Amino acid sequence: MDVSIAFLSRIERGSSQINLKRLSQICEILGTSEGEILNGTCSDSPVYLSNEFAKLLLNCSSTKQRLIYDVAKVIAESKEQ
């Protein structure tokens, strides 16, 4: 990648910023996605967004939770085109 260890260390500590090209290079080397690096989620994971859904549902009434479940179930069980 032609960058110093000190630069990578500054990125890890948050004292230096990285551009998207470098981020993409790092992700390719690590075999991961930009999303996983930036927000800790991997869309290939079987528990993708599980925590986010749980937090969302905690703030909803039981009626809204049921509606969300029913909509999600229809989407999950439909055939992808």
PDB file of N, CA and C in Angstrom:
ATOM      1  N   MET A   1       0.814  -1.201   0.000  1.00  0.00           N
ATOM      2  CA  MET A   1       0.000   0.000   0.000  1.00  0.00           C
ATOM      3  C   MET A   1       0.853   1.257   0.000  1.00  0.00           C
ATOM      4  N   ASP A   2       2.120   1.085   0.270  1.00  0.00           N
ATOM      5  CA  ASP A   2       3.037   2.218   0.272  1.00  0.00           C
ATOM      6  C   ASP A   2       2.673   3.263   1.328  1.00  0.00           C
ATOM      7  N   VAL A   3       2.370   2.792   2.545  1.00  0.00           N
ATOM      8  CA  VAL A   3       2.143   3.691   3.680  1.00  0.00           C
ATOM      9  C   VAL A   3       2.964   3.194   4.863  1.00  0.00           C
ATOM     10  N   SER A   4       3.295   4.100   5.746  1.00  0.00           N
ATOM     11  CA  SER A   4       4.115   3.718   6.893  1.00  0.00           C
ATOM     12  C   SER A   4       3.270   3.100   8.000  1.00  0.00           C
ATOM     13  N   ILE A   5       3.938   2.354   8.846  1.00  0.00           N
ATOM     14  CA  ILE A   5       3.276   1.779  10.018  1.00  0.00           C
ATOM     15  C   ILE A   5       2.767   2.898  10.919  1.00  0.00           C
ATOM     16  N   ALA A   6       3.519   3.977  11.000  1.00  0.00           N
ATOM     17  CA  ALA A   6       3.107   5.121  11.833  1.00  0.00           C
ATOM     18  C   ALA A   6       1.793   5.703  11.311  1.00  0.00           C
ATOM     19  N   PHE A   7       1.643   5.795   9.987  1.00  0.00           N
ATOM     20  CA  PHE A   7       0.399   6.311   9.415  1.00  0.00           C
ATOM     21  C   PHE A   7      -0.768   5.392   9.744  1.00  0.00           C
ATOM     22  N   LEU A   8      -0.576   4.082   9.584  1.00  0.00           N
ATOM     23  CA  LEU A   8      -1.625   3.134   9.929  1.00  0.00           C
ATOM     24  C   LEU A   8      -1.990   3.219  11.409  1.00  0.00           C
ATOM     25  N   SER A   9      -1.004   3.417  12.251  1.00  0.00           N
ATOM     26  CA  SER A   9      -1.252   3.569  13.678  1.00  0.00           C
ATOM     27  C   SER A   9      -2.087   4.816  13.964  1.00  0.00           C
ATOM     28  N   ARG A  10      -1.787   5.918  13.275  1.00  0.00           N
ATOM     29  CA  ARG A  10      -2.568   7.151  13.456  1.00  0.00           C
ATOM     30  C   ARG A  10      -4.006   6.959  13.001  1.00  0.00           C
ATOM     31  N   ILE A  11      -4.206   6.195  11.935  1.00  0.00           N
ATOM     32  CA  ILE A  11      -5.560   5.900  11.461  1.00  0.00           C
ATOM     33  C   ILE A  11      -6.307   5.107  12.533  1.00  0.00           C
ATOM     34  N   GLU A  12      -5.672   4.078  13.075  1.00  0.00           N
ATOM     35  CA  GLU A  12      -6.293   3.253  14.110  1.00  0.00           C
ATOM     36  C   GLU A  12      -6.683   4.065  15.332  1.00  0.00           C
ATOM     37  N   ARG A  13      -5.848   5.018  15.703  1.00  0.00           N
ATOM     38  CA  ARG A  13      -6.114   5.852  16.884  1.00  0.00           C
ATOM     39  C   ARG A  13      -7.097   6.979  16.590  1.00  0.00           C
ATOM     40  N   GLY A  14      -7.380   7.213  15.324  1.00  0.00           N
ATOM     41  CA  GLY A  14      -8.297   8.286  14.955  1.00  0.00           C
ATOM     42  C   GLY A  14      -7.656   9.648  14.879  1.00  0.00           C
ATOM     43  N   SER A  15      -6.333   9.694  14.893  1.00  0.00           N
ATOM     44  CA  SER A  15      -5.647  10.984  14.827  1.00  0.00           C
ATOM     45  C   SER A  15      -5.304  11.371  13.388  1.00  0.00           C
ATOM     46  N   SER A  16      -5.601  10.490  12.447  1.00  0.00           N
ATOM     47  CA  SER A  16      -5.386  10.777  11.041  1.00  0.00           C
ATOM     48  C   SER A  16      -6.567  10.223  10.256  1.00  0.00           C
ATOM     49  N   GLN A  17      -6.908  10.897   9.179  1.00  0.00           N
ATOM     50  CA  GLN A  17      -8.031  10.450   8.362  1.00  0.00           C
ATOM     51  C   GLN A  17      -7.531   9.658   7.166  1.00  0.00           C
ATOM     52  N   ILE A  18      -8.447   8.877   6.591  1.00  0.00           N
ATOM     53  CA  ILE A  18      -8.109   8.027   5.469  1.00  0.00           C
ATOM     54  C   ILE A  18      -9.103   8.300   4.342  1.00  0.00           C
ATOM     55  N   ASN A  19      -8.629   8.254   3.117  1.00  0.00           N
ATOM     56  CA  ASN A  19      -9.553   8.452   1.997  1.00  0.00           C
ATOM     57  C   ASN A  19     -10.173   7.109   1.595  1.00  0.00           C
ATOM     58  N   LEU A  20     -11.200   7.177   0.778  1.00  0.00           N
ATOM     59  CA  LEU A  20     -11.933   5.966   0.412  1.00  0.00           C
ATOM     60  C   LEU A  20     -11.079   4.964  -0.368  1.00  0.00           C
ATOM     61  N   LYS A  21     -10.153   5.484  -1.173  1.00  0.00           N
ATOM     62  CA  LYS A  21      -9.284   4.590  -1.936  1.00  0.00           C
ATOM     63  C   LYS A  21      -8.430   3.750  -0.989  1.00  0.00           C
ATOM     64  N   ARG A  22      -7.834   4.392   0.015  1.00  0.00           N
ATOM     65  CA  ARG A  22      -7.009   3.668   0.992  1.00  0.00           C
ATOM     66  C   ARG A  22      -7.863   2.700   1.801  1.00  0.00           C
ATOM     67  N   LEU A  23      -9.052   3.141   2.198  1.00  0.00           N
ATOM     68  CA  LEU A  23      -9.944   2.268   2.955  1.00  0.00           C
ATOM     69  C   LEU A  23     -10.264   1.014   2.157  1.00  0.00           C
ATOM     70  N   SER A  24     -10.543   1.187   0.886  1.00  0.00           N
ATOM     71  CA  SER A  24     -10.841   0.055   0.019  1.00  0.00           C
ATOM     72  C   SER A  24      -9.643  -0.889  -0.072  1.00  0.00           C
ATOM     73  N   GLN A  25      -8.448  -0.332  -0.170  1.00  0.00           N
ATOM     74  CA  GLN A  25      -7.233  -1.153  -0.225  1.00  0.00           C
ATOM     75  C   GLN A  25      -7.051  -1.953   1.059  1.00  0.00           C
ATOM     76  N   ILE A  26      -7.264  -1.303   2.190  1.00  0.00           N
ATOM     77  CA  ILE A  26      -7.117  -1.983   3.480  1.00  0.00           C
ATOM     78  C   ILE A  26      -8.140  -3.111   3.594  1.00  0.00           C
ATOM     79  N   CYS A  27      -9.379  -2.841   3.195  1.00  0.00           N
ATOM     80  CA  CYS A  27     -10.427  -3.861   3.264  1.00  0.00           C
ATOM     81  C   CYS A  27     -10.098  -5.046   2.380  1.00  0.00           C
ATOM     82  N   GLU A  28      -9.564  -4.775   1.211  1.00  0.00           N
ATOM     83  CA  GLU A  28      -9.189  -5.860   0.297  1.00  0.00           C
ATOM     84  C   GLU A  28      -8.095  -6.726   0.914  1.00  0.00           C
ATOM     85  N   ILE A  29      -7.105  -6.097   1.518  1.00  0.00           N
ATOM     86  CA  ILE A  29      -6.013  -6.840   2.156  1.00  0.00           C
ATOM     87  C   ILE A  29      -6.528  -7.669   3.327  1.00  0.00           C
ATOM     88  N   LEU A  30      -7.448  -7.091   4.113  1.00  0.00           N
ATOM     89  CA  LEU A  30      -7.977  -7.785   5.282  1.00  0.00           C
ATOM     90  C   LEU A  30      -9.086  -8.767   4.944  1.00  0.00           C
ATOM     91  N   GLY A  31      -9.564  -8.721   3.704  1.00  0.00           N
ATOM     92  CA  GLY A  31     -10.635  -9.615   3.301  1.00  0.00           C
ATOM     93  C   GLY A  31     -11.960  -9.290   3.971  1.00  0.00           C
ATOM     94  N   THR A  32     -12.247  -8.014   4.125  1.00  0.00           N
ATOM     95  CA  THR A  32     -13.486  -7.579   4.766  1.00  0.00           C
ATOM     96  C   THR A  32     -14.125  -6.455   3.958  1.00  0.00           C
ATOM     97  N   SER A  33     -15.283  -6.010   4.391  1.00  0.00           N
ATOM     98  CA  SER A  33     -15.982  -4.952   3.667  1.00  0.00           C
ATOM     99  C   SER A  33     -15.788  -3.599   4.346  1.00  0.00           C
ATOM    100  N   GLU A  34     -16.035  -2.550   3.592  1.00  0.00           N
ATOM    101  CA  GLU A  34     -15.954  -1.208   4.146  1.00  0.00           C
ATOM    102  C   GLU A  34     -16.991  -1.020   5.244  1.00  0.00           C
ATOM    103  N   GLY A  35     -18.175  -1.602   5.052  1.00  0.00           N
ATOM    104  CA  GLY A  35     -19.232  -1.499   6.059  1.00  0.00           C
ATOM    105  C   GLY A  35     -18.824  -2.098   7.385  1.00  0.00           C
ATOM    106  N   GLU A  36     -18.146  -3.219   7.327  1.00  0.00           N
ATOM    107  CA  GLU A  36     -17.698  -3.858   8.566  1.00  0.00           C
ATOM    108  C   GLU A  36     -16.649  -3.006   9.267  1.00  0.00           C
ATOM    109  N   ILE A  37     -15.763  -2.411   8.511  1.00  0.00           N
ATOM    110  CA  ILE A  37     -14.737  -1.549   9.098  1.00  0.00           C
ATOM    111  C   ILE A  37     -15.361  -0.285   9.684  1.00  0.00           C
ATOM    112  N   LEU A  38     -16.288   0.322   8.944  1.00  0.00           N
ATOM    113  CA  LEU A  38     -16.840   1.614   9.360  1.00  0.00           C
ATOM    114  C   LEU A  38     -17.865   1.508  10.477  1.00  0.00           C
ATOM    115  N   ASN A  39     -18.713   0.496  10.451  1.00  0.00           N
ATOM    116  CA  ASN A  39     -19.752   0.439  11.478  1.00  0.00           C
ATOM    117  C   ASN A  39     -19.885  -0.903  12.160  1.00  0.00           C
ATOM    118  N   GLY A  40     -18.963  -1.806  11.904  1.00  0.00           N
ATOM    119  CA  GLY A  40     -18.951  -3.075  12.615  1.00  0.00           C
ATOM    120  C   GLY A  40     -19.980  -4.095  12.154  1.00  0.00           C
ATOM    121  N   THR A  41     -20.608  -3.861  11.016  1.00  0.00           N
ATOM    122  CA  THR A  41     -21.577  -4.826  10.527  1.00  0.00           C
ATOM    123  C   THR A  41     -21.103  -5.423   9.214  1.00  0.00           C
ATOM    124  N   CYS A  42     -21.389  -6.677   9.061  1.00  0.00           N
ATOM    125  CA  CYS A  42     -21.046  -7.391   7.837  1.00  0.00           C
ATOM    126  C   CYS A  42     -22.326  -7.970   7.266  1.00  0.00           C
ATOM    127  N   SER A  43     -22.709  -7.545   6.086  1.00  0.00           N
ATOM    128  CA  SER A  43     -23.973  -7.985   5.504  1.00  0.00           C
ATOM    129  C   SER A  43     -23.990  -9.480   5.201  1.00  0.00           C
ATOM    130  N   ASP A  44     -22.849 -10.133   5.219  1.00  0.00           N
ATOM    131  CA  ASP A  44     -22.793 -11.576   4.995  1.00  0.00           C
ATOM    132  C   ASP A  44     -23.011 -12.373   6.281  1.00  0.00           C
ATOM    133  N   SER A  45     -23.014 -11.685   7.409  1.00  0.00           N
ATOM    134  CA  SER A  45     -23.164 -12.340   8.703  1.00  0.00           C
ATOM    135  C   SER A  45     -24.601 -12.787   8.927  1.00  0.00           C
ATOM    136  N   PRO A  46     -24.794 -13.955   9.551  1.00  0.00           N
ATOM    137  CA  PRO A  46     -26.158 -14.403   9.832  1.00  0.00           C
ATOM    138  C   PRO A  46     -26.875 -13.536  10.869  1.00  0.00           C
ATOM    139  N   VAL A  47     -26.137 -12.734  11.621  1.00  0.00           N
ATOM    140  CA  VAL A  47     -26.748 -11.854  12.629  1.00  0.00           C
ATOM    141  C   VAL A  47     -26.682 -10.383  12.216  1.00  0.00           C
ATOM    142  N   TYR A  48     -26.556 -10.147  10.919  1.00  0.00           N
ATOM    143  CA  TYR A  48     -26.506  -8.791  10.379  1.00  0.00           C
ATOM    144  C   TYR A  48     -27.726  -8.000  10.844  1.00  0.00           C
ATOM    145  N   LEU A  49     -27.495  -6.881  11.462  1.00  0.00           N
ATOM    146  CA  LEU A  49     -28.518  -5.954  11.953  1.00  0.00           C
ATOM    147  C   LEU A  49     -29.356  -6.491  13.116  1.00  0.00           C
ATOM    148  N   SER A  50     -29.001  -7.612  13.705  1.00  0.00           N
ATOM    149  CA  SER A  50     -29.777  -8.157  14.819  1.00  0.00           C
ATOM    150  C   SER A  50     -29.863  -7.172  15.984  1.00  0.00           C
ATOM    151  N   ASN A  51     -28.742  -6.615  16.381  1.00  0.00           N
ATOM    152  CA  ASN A  51     -28.737  -5.665  17.494  1.00  0.00           C
ATOM    153  C   ASN A  51     -29.543  -4.418  17.158  1.00  0.00           C
ATOM    154  N   GLU A  52     -29.415  -3.951  15.916  1.00  0.00           N
ATOM    155  CA  GLU A  52     -30.143  -2.761  15.501  1.00  0.00           C
ATOM    156  C   GLU A  52     -31.652  -2.997  15.541  1.00  0.00           C
ATOM    157  N   PHE A  53     -32.088  -4.182  15.066  1.00  0.00           N
ATOM    158  CA  PHE A  53     -33.517  -4.511  15.126  1.00  0.00           C
ATOM    159  C   PHE A  53     -33.995  -4.614  16.572  1.00  0.00           C
ATOM    160  N   ALA A  54     -33.194  -5.233  17.418  1.00  0.00           N
ATOM    161  CA  ALA A  54     -33.576  -5.378  18.825  1.00  0.00           C
ATOM    162  C   ALA A  54     -33.761  -4.009  19.484  1.00  0.00           C
ATOM    163  N   LYS A  55     -32.826  -3.095  19.242  1.00  0.00           N
ATOM    164  CA  LYS A  55     -32.935  -1.747  19.806  1.00  0.00           C
ATOM    165  C   LYS A  55     -34.161  -1.022  19.257  1.00  0.00           C
ATOM    166  N   LEU A  56     -34.402  -1.169  17.971  1.00  0.00           N
ATOM    167  CA  LEU A  56     -35.558  -0.536  17.347  1.00  0.00           C
ATOM    168  C   LEU A  56     -36.853  -1.032  17.981  1.00  0.00           C
ATOM    169  N   LEU A  57     -36.960  -2.330  18.160  1.00  0.00           N
ATOM    170  CA  LEU A  57     -38.177  -2.915  18.711  1.00  0.00           C
ATOM    171  C   LEU A  57     -38.407  -2.526  20.167  1.00  0.00           C
ATOM    172  N   LEU A  58     -37.350  -2.321  20.926  1.00  0.00           N
ATOM    173  CA  LEU A  58     -37.492  -1.928  22.330  1.00  0.00           C
ATOM    174  C   LEU A  58     -38.241  -0.613  22.479  1.00  0.00           C
ATOM    175  N   ASN A  59     -38.116   0.256  21.512  1.00  0.00           N
ATOM    176  CA  ASN A  59     -38.748   1.570  21.576  1.00  0.00           C
ATOM    177  C   ASN A  59     -40.146   1.594  20.966  1.00  0.00           C
ATOM    178  N   CYS A  60     -40.676   0.437  20.593  1.00  0.00           N
ATOM    179  CA  CYS A  60     -41.987   0.358  19.944  1.00  0.00           C
ATOM    180  C   CYS A  60     -43.010  -0.310  20.867  1.00  0.00           C
ATOM    181  N   SER A  61     -44.243   0.081  20.701  1.00  0.00           N
ATOM    182  CA  SER A  61     -45.330  -0.581  21.420  1.00  0.00           C
ATOM    183  C   SER A  61     -45.473  -2.004  20.885  1.00  0.00           C
ATOM    184  N   SER A  62     -46.213  -2.831  21.622  1.00  0.00           N
ATOM    185  CA  SER A  62     -46.412  -4.211  21.170  1.00  0.00           C
ATOM    186  C   SER A  62     -47.172  -4.247  19.843  1.00  0.00           C
ATOM    187  N   THR A  63     -48.061  -3.292  19.631  1.00  0.00           N
ATOM    188  CA  THR A  63     -48.793  -3.221  18.364  1.00  0.00           C
ATOM    189  C   THR A  63     -47.844  -2.939  17.209  1.00  0.00           C
ATOM    190  N   LYS A  64     -46.939  -1.972  17.402  1.00  0.00           N
ATOM    191  CA  LYS A  64     -45.961  -1.653  16.351  1.00  0.00           C
ATOM    192  C   LYS A  64     -44.987  -2.802  16.146  1.00  0.00           C
ATOM    193  N   GLN A  65     -44.598  -3.472  17.224  1.00  0.00           N
ATOM    194  CA  GLN A  65     -43.702  -4.616  17.093  1.00  0.00           C
ATOM    195  C   GLN A  65     -44.336  -5.699  16.230  1.00  0.00           C
ATOM    196  N   ARG A  66     -45.614  -5.951  16.455  1.00  0.00           N
ATOM    197  CA  ARG A  66     -46.317  -6.976  15.672  1.00  0.00           C
ATOM    198  C   ARG A  66     -46.387  -6.583  14.204  1.00  0.00           C
ATOM    199  N   LEU A  67     -46.657  -5.306  13.935  1.00  0.00           N
ATOM    200  CA  LEU A  67     -46.719  -4.820  12.561  1.00  0.00           C
ATOM    201  C   LEU A  67     -45.364  -4.978  11.875  1.00  0.00           C
ATOM    202  N   ILE A  68     -44.311  -4.591  12.568  1.00  0.00           N
ATOM    203  CA  ILE A  68     -42.954  -4.726  12.013  1.00  0.00           C
ATOM    204  C   ILE A  68     -42.650  -6.198  11.732  1.00  0.00           C
ATOM    205  N   TYR A  69     -43.012  -7.068  12.653  1.00  0.00           N
ATOM    206  CA  TYR A  69     -42.791  -8.498  12.474  1.00  0.00           C
ATOM    207  C   TYR A  69     -43.547  -9.022  11.252  1.00  0.00           C
ATOM    208  N   ASP A  70     -44.819  -8.646  11.146  1.00  0.00           N
ATOM    209  CA  ASP A  70     -45.635  -9.121  10.032  1.00  0.00           C
ATOM    210  C   ASP A  70     -45.064  -8.662   8.685  1.00  0.00           C
ATOM    211  N   VAL A  71     -44.642  -7.406   8.613  1.00  0.00           N
ATOM    212  CA  VAL A  71     -44.063  -6.876   7.372  1.00  0.00           C
ATOM    213  C   VAL A  71     -42.743  -7.592   7.067  1.00  0.00           C
ATOM    214  N   ALA A  72     -41.893  -7.737   8.084  1.00  0.00           N
ATOM    215  CA  ALA A  72     -40.610  -8.410   7.884  1.00  0.00           C
ATOM    216  C   ALA A  72     -40.799  -9.863   7.449  1.00  0.00           C
ATOM    217  N   LYS A  73     -41.806 -10.520   8.007  1.00  0.00           N
ATOM    218  CA  LYS A  73     -42.067 -11.917   7.655  1.00  0.00           C
ATOM    219  C   LYS A  73     -42.480 -12.042   6.192  1.00  0.00           C
ATOM    220  N   VAL A  74     -43.342 -11.145   5.731  1.00  0.00           N
ATOM    221  CA  VAL A  74     -43.764 -11.171   4.327  1.00  0.00           C
ATOM    222  C   VAL A  74     -42.561 -10.970   3.414  1.00  0.00           C
ATOM    223  N   ILE A  75     -41.716 -10.008   3.760  1.00  0.00           N
ATOM    224  CA  ILE A  75     -40.522  -9.733   2.951  1.00  0.00           C
ATOM    225  C   ILE A  75     -39.570 -10.924   2.977  1.00  0.00           C
ATOM    226  N   ALA A  76     -39.331 -11.490   4.163  1.00  0.00           N
ATOM    227  CA  ALA A  76     -38.389 -12.599   4.315  1.00  0.00           C
ATOM    228  C   ALA A  76     -38.850 -13.849   3.574  1.00  0.00           C
ATOM    229  N   GLU A  77     -40.152 -14.060   3.534  1.00  0.00           N
ATOM    230  CA  GLU A  77     -40.666 -15.275   2.908  1.00  0.00           C
ATOM    231  C   GLU A  77     -40.955 -15.122   1.414  1.00  0.00           C
ATOM    232  N   SER A  78     -40.855 -13.895   0.894  1.00  0.00           N
ATOM    233  CA  SER A  78     -41.109 -13.701  -0.531  1.00  0.00           C
ATOM    234  C   SER A  78     -39.897 -14.137  -1.341  1.00  0.00           C
ATOM    235  N   LYS A  79     -40.159 -14.550  -2.573  1.00  0.00           N
ATOM    236  CA  LYS A  79     -39.083 -14.954  -3.466  1.00  0.00           C
ATOM    237  C   LYS A  79     -38.387 -13.726  -3.992  1.00  0.00           C
ATOM    238  N   GLU A  80     -37.077 -13.769  -4.010  1.00  0.00           N
ATOM    239  CA  GLU A  80     -36.309 -12.651  -4.557  1.00  0.00           C
ATOM    240  C   GLU A  80     -36.331 -12.715  -6.064  1.00  0.00           C
ATOM    241  N   GLN A  81     -36.388 -11.531  -6.666  1.00  0.00           N
ATOM    242  CA  GLN A  81     -36.447 -11.465  -8.127  1.00  0.00           C
ATOM    243  C   GLN A  81     -35.117 -11.111  -8.713  1.00  0.00           C
TER     244      GLN A  81
END
